[in-house]
């Protein structure tokens, strides 16, 4: 599941937390080893568009942070 479908499912399920996960690439979607994760609280009255925007901002921050940690050796990737 991806895109609006994820955000819709999270909101419809009544979850109070969502987040971002960065995986190693694998043959099946989202099944690679987890490299990094972060989470945010879902605001009262949150809609798909507002949640999508907040998660996208979080993704951008996490990608930069994760790539920096890989480049400096803080995160070791399997060879």
N, C-alpha and C. Protein backbone atom coordinates (compact mmCIF):
# COMPACT_ATOMS: atom_id res chain seq x y z
N UNK A 1 0.85 -1.17 0.00
CA UNK A 1 0.00 0.00 0.00
C UNK A 1 0.90 1.24 0.00
N UNK A 2 0.48 2.28 -0.71
CA UNK A 2 1.29 3.50 -0.78
C UNK A 2 0.39 4.70 -1.08
N UNK A 3 0.98 5.88 -0.99
CA UNK A 3 0.27 7.11 -1.34
C UNK A 3 -0.94 7.38 -0.45
N UNK A 4 -1.96 7.96 -1.06
CA UNK A 4 -3.18 8.31 -0.32
C UNK A 4 -3.81 7.11 0.36
N UNK A 5 -3.65 5.93 -0.22
CA UNK A 5 -4.25 4.73 0.37
C UNK A 5 -3.71 4.47 1.77
N UNK A 6 -2.42 4.69 1.97
CA UNK A 6 -1.83 4.51 3.30
C UNK A 6 -2.43 5.51 4.28
N UNK A 7 -2.45 6.77 3.90
CA UNK A 7 -2.95 7.81 4.79
C UNK A 7 -4.44 7.60 5.10
N UNK A 8 -5.21 7.21 4.11
CA UNK A 8 -6.62 6.93 4.30
C UNK A 8 -6.81 5.79 5.30
N UNK A 9 -6.05 4.71 5.11
CA UNK A 9 -6.15 3.54 5.99
C UNK A 9 -5.77 3.90 7.43
N UNK A 10 -4.74 4.69 7.58
CA UNK A 10 -4.31 5.11 8.92
C UNK A 10 -5.41 5.92 9.59
N UNK A 11 -5.96 6.90 8.87
CA UNK A 11 -7.01 7.74 9.45
C UNK A 11 -8.28 6.93 9.74
N UNK A 12 -8.67 6.06 8.83
CA UNK A 12 -9.89 5.27 9.03
C UNK A 12 -9.75 4.27 10.18
N UNK A 13 -8.54 3.83 10.46
CA UNK A 13 -8.34 2.86 11.54
C UNK A 13 -8.32 3.51 12.92
N UNK A 14 -8.26 4.84 12.95
CA UNK A 14 -8.25 5.54 14.23
C UNK A 14 -6.88 5.58 14.90
N UNK A 15 -5.83 5.27 14.15
CA UNK A 15 -4.48 5.33 14.70
C UNK A 15 -4.17 6.74 15.18
N UNK A 16 -3.32 6.83 16.19
CA UNK A 16 -2.92 8.13 16.69
C UNK A 16 -1.48 8.48 16.32
N UNK A 17 -0.79 7.49 15.75
CA UNK A 17 0.62 7.66 15.35
C UNK A 17 0.79 7.09 13.95
N UNK A 18 1.59 7.75 13.14
CA UNK A 18 2.00 7.23 11.85
C UNK A 18 3.46 7.60 11.66
N UNK A 19 4.04 7.23 10.55
CA UNK A 19 5.44 7.57 10.38
C UNK A 19 5.99 7.17 9.04
N UNK A 20 7.33 7.13 9.01
CA UNK A 20 8.08 6.85 7.80
C UNK A 20 9.07 5.74 8.09
N UNK A 21 9.21 4.82 7.15
CA UNK A 21 10.19 3.76 7.25
C UNK A 21 11.00 3.72 5.97
N UNK A 22 12.32 3.66 6.12
CA UNK A 22 13.21 3.50 4.97
C UNK A 22 13.74 2.08 5.00
N UNK A 23 13.51 1.36 3.90
CA UNK A 23 13.92 -0.03 3.76
C UNK A 23 15.05 -0.17 2.75
N UNK A 24 15.83 -1.23 2.89
CA UNK A 24 16.70 -1.64 1.80
C UNK A 24 15.81 -2.15 0.68
N UNK A 25 16.24 -2.01 -0.54
CA UNK A 25 15.46 -2.48 -1.68
C UNK A 25 15.42 -4.01 -1.66
N UNK A 26 14.25 -4.55 -1.89
CA UNK A 26 14.05 -6.00 -1.98
C UNK A 26 13.12 -6.27 -3.16
N UNK A 27 12.99 -7.52 -3.52
CA UNK A 27 12.12 -7.86 -4.65
C UNK A 27 10.67 -7.50 -4.38
N UNK A 28 10.22 -7.61 -3.13
CA UNK A 28 8.84 -7.28 -2.79
C UNK A 28 8.79 -5.95 -2.05
N UNK A 29 7.78 -5.16 -2.36
CA UNK A 29 7.61 -3.82 -1.82
C UNK A 29 7.58 -3.83 -0.29
N UNK A 30 8.38 -2.99 0.33
CA UNK A 30 8.43 -2.79 1.78
C UNK A 30 8.85 -4.02 2.58
N UNK A 31 9.53 -4.96 1.96
CA UNK A 31 9.97 -6.14 2.71
C UNK A 31 11.47 -6.18 2.95
N UNK A 32 12.20 -5.18 2.45
CA UNK A 32 13.64 -5.12 2.72
C UNK A 32 13.89 -4.77 4.17
N UNK A 33 15.10 -5.02 4.62
CA UNK A 33 15.48 -4.69 6.00
C UNK A 33 15.26 -3.20 6.26
N UNK A 34 14.83 -2.88 7.46
CA UNK A 34 14.59 -1.49 7.84
C UNK A 34 15.91 -0.81 8.16
N UNK A 35 16.14 0.35 7.53
CA UNK A 35 17.34 1.14 7.77
C UNK A 35 17.04 2.23 8.81
N UNK A 36 15.88 2.88 8.68
CA UNK A 36 15.53 3.98 9.58
C UNK A 36 14.02 4.12 9.67
N UNK A 37 13.58 4.63 10.81
CA UNK A 37 12.15 4.88 11.02
C UNK A 37 11.99 6.12 11.90
N UNK A 38 10.86 6.78 11.72
CA UNK A 38 10.48 7.87 12.61
C UNK A 38 8.96 7.95 12.63
N UNK A 39 8.40 8.62 13.62
CA UNK A 39 6.95 8.68 13.72
C UNK A 39 6.48 10.06 14.12
N UNK A 40 5.21 10.32 13.86
CA UNK A 40 4.56 11.57 14.26
C UNK A 40 3.16 11.26 14.77
N UNK A 41 2.68 12.14 15.63
CA UNK A 41 1.31 12.01 16.12
C UNK A 41 0.34 12.54 15.07
N UNK A 42 -0.79 11.90 14.99
CA UNK A 42 -1.85 12.35 14.09
C UNK A 42 -2.67 13.39 14.83
N UNK A 43 -2.83 14.55 14.24
CA UNK A 43 -3.55 15.65 14.87
C UNK A 43 -5.06 15.41 14.83
N UNK A 44 -5.78 15.90 15.83
CA UNK A 44 -7.24 15.81 15.79
C UNK A 44 -7.77 16.51 14.54
N UNK A 45 -8.73 15.90 13.86
CA UNK A 45 -9.32 16.49 12.67
C UNK A 45 -8.44 16.38 11.43
N UNK A 46 -7.37 15.60 11.52
CA UNK A 46 -6.44 15.43 10.39
C UNK A 46 -7.18 14.87 9.18
N UNK A 47 -6.85 15.38 7.99
CA UNK A 47 -7.40 14.84 6.75
C UNK A 47 -6.26 14.23 5.95
N UNK A 48 -6.60 13.54 4.89
CA UNK A 48 -5.58 12.87 4.07
C UNK A 48 -4.56 13.88 3.57
N UNK A 49 -5.00 15.01 3.06
CA UNK A 49 -4.08 15.99 2.49
C UNK A 49 -3.12 16.57 3.52
N UNK A 50 -3.62 16.90 4.72
CA UNK A 50 -2.73 17.46 5.74
C UNK A 50 -1.76 16.41 6.25
N UNK A 51 -2.24 15.19 6.43
CA UNK A 51 -1.36 14.11 6.89
C UNK A 51 -0.30 13.81 5.84
N UNK A 52 -0.72 13.75 4.58
CA UNK A 52 0.22 13.49 3.49
C UNK A 52 1.33 14.55 3.46
N UNK A 53 0.99 15.80 3.63
CA UNK A 53 1.98 16.89 3.61
C UNK A 53 2.94 16.77 4.78
N UNK A 54 2.43 16.45 5.96
CA UNK A 54 3.30 16.34 7.13
C UNK A 54 4.22 15.12 7.01
N UNK A 55 3.69 14.02 6.50
CA UNK A 55 4.51 12.82 6.32
C UNK A 55 5.57 13.05 5.25
N UNK A 56 5.23 13.75 4.17
CA UNK A 56 6.20 14.04 3.12
C UNK A 56 7.36 14.88 3.67
N UNK A 57 7.05 15.87 4.47
CA UNK A 57 8.10 16.69 5.09
C UNK A 57 8.99 15.80 5.98
N UNK A 58 8.37 14.93 6.73
CA UNK A 58 9.11 14.00 7.59
C UNK A 58 9.99 13.06 6.76
N UNK A 59 9.47 12.58 5.64
CA UNK A 59 10.25 11.72 4.74
C UNK A 59 11.50 12.44 4.24
N UNK A 60 11.34 13.67 3.82
CA UNK A 60 12.47 14.44 3.31
C UNK A 60 13.55 14.58 4.38
N UNK A 61 13.14 14.89 5.59
CA UNK A 61 14.10 15.02 6.70
C UNK A 61 14.79 13.69 6.98
N UNK A 62 14.02 12.60 7.01
CA UNK A 62 14.59 11.30 7.33
C UNK A 62 15.52 10.81 6.23
N UNK A 63 15.18 11.05 4.97
CA UNK A 63 16.08 10.64 3.88
C UNK A 63 17.43 11.34 3.99
N UNK A 64 17.42 12.65 4.22
CA UNK A 64 18.67 13.39 4.33
C UNK A 64 19.48 12.89 5.53
N UNK A 65 18.83 12.74 6.66
CA UNK A 65 19.50 12.26 7.86
C UNK A 65 20.08 10.85 7.66
N UNK A 66 19.30 9.98 7.04
CA UNK A 66 19.74 8.60 6.82
C UNK A 66 20.90 8.54 5.84
N UNK A 67 20.81 9.27 4.75
CA UNK A 67 21.92 9.29 3.78
C UNK A 67 23.19 9.85 4.41
N UNK A 68 23.06 10.85 5.25
CA UNK A 68 24.21 11.40 5.96
C UNK A 68 24.84 10.35 6.87
N UNK A 69 23.99 9.60 7.58
CA UNK A 69 24.49 8.55 8.47
C UNK A 69 25.14 7.41 7.70
N UNK A 70 24.64 7.11 6.53
CA UNK A 70 25.26 6.08 5.69
C UNK A 70 26.62 6.60 5.20
N UNK A 71 26.67 7.86 4.76
CA UNK A 71 27.91 8.43 4.23
C UNK A 71 29.01 8.52 5.28
N UNK A 72 28.62 8.75 6.53
CA UNK A 72 29.62 8.87 7.59
C UNK A 72 29.93 7.54 8.26
N UNK A 73 29.23 6.48 7.86
CA UNK A 73 29.48 5.16 8.43
C UNK A 73 28.72 4.86 9.70
N UNK A 74 27.88 5.82 10.15
CA UNK A 74 27.07 5.59 11.36
C UNK A 74 26.07 4.45 11.12
N UNK A 75 25.51 4.40 9.91
CA UNK A 75 24.66 3.27 9.50
C UNK A 75 25.49 2.43 8.53
N UNK A 76 25.66 1.17 8.85
CA UNK A 76 26.41 0.25 8.01
C UNK A 76 25.43 -0.57 7.17
N UNK A 77 25.59 -0.53 5.87
CA UNK A 77 24.74 -1.32 4.98
C UNK A 77 25.43 -2.66 4.70
N UNK A 78 24.64 -3.72 4.54
CA UNK A 78 25.26 -5.01 4.22
C UNK A 78 25.92 -4.95 2.83
N UNK A 79 26.98 -5.69 2.69
CA UNK A 79 27.69 -5.70 1.40
C UNK A 79 27.37 -6.95 0.61
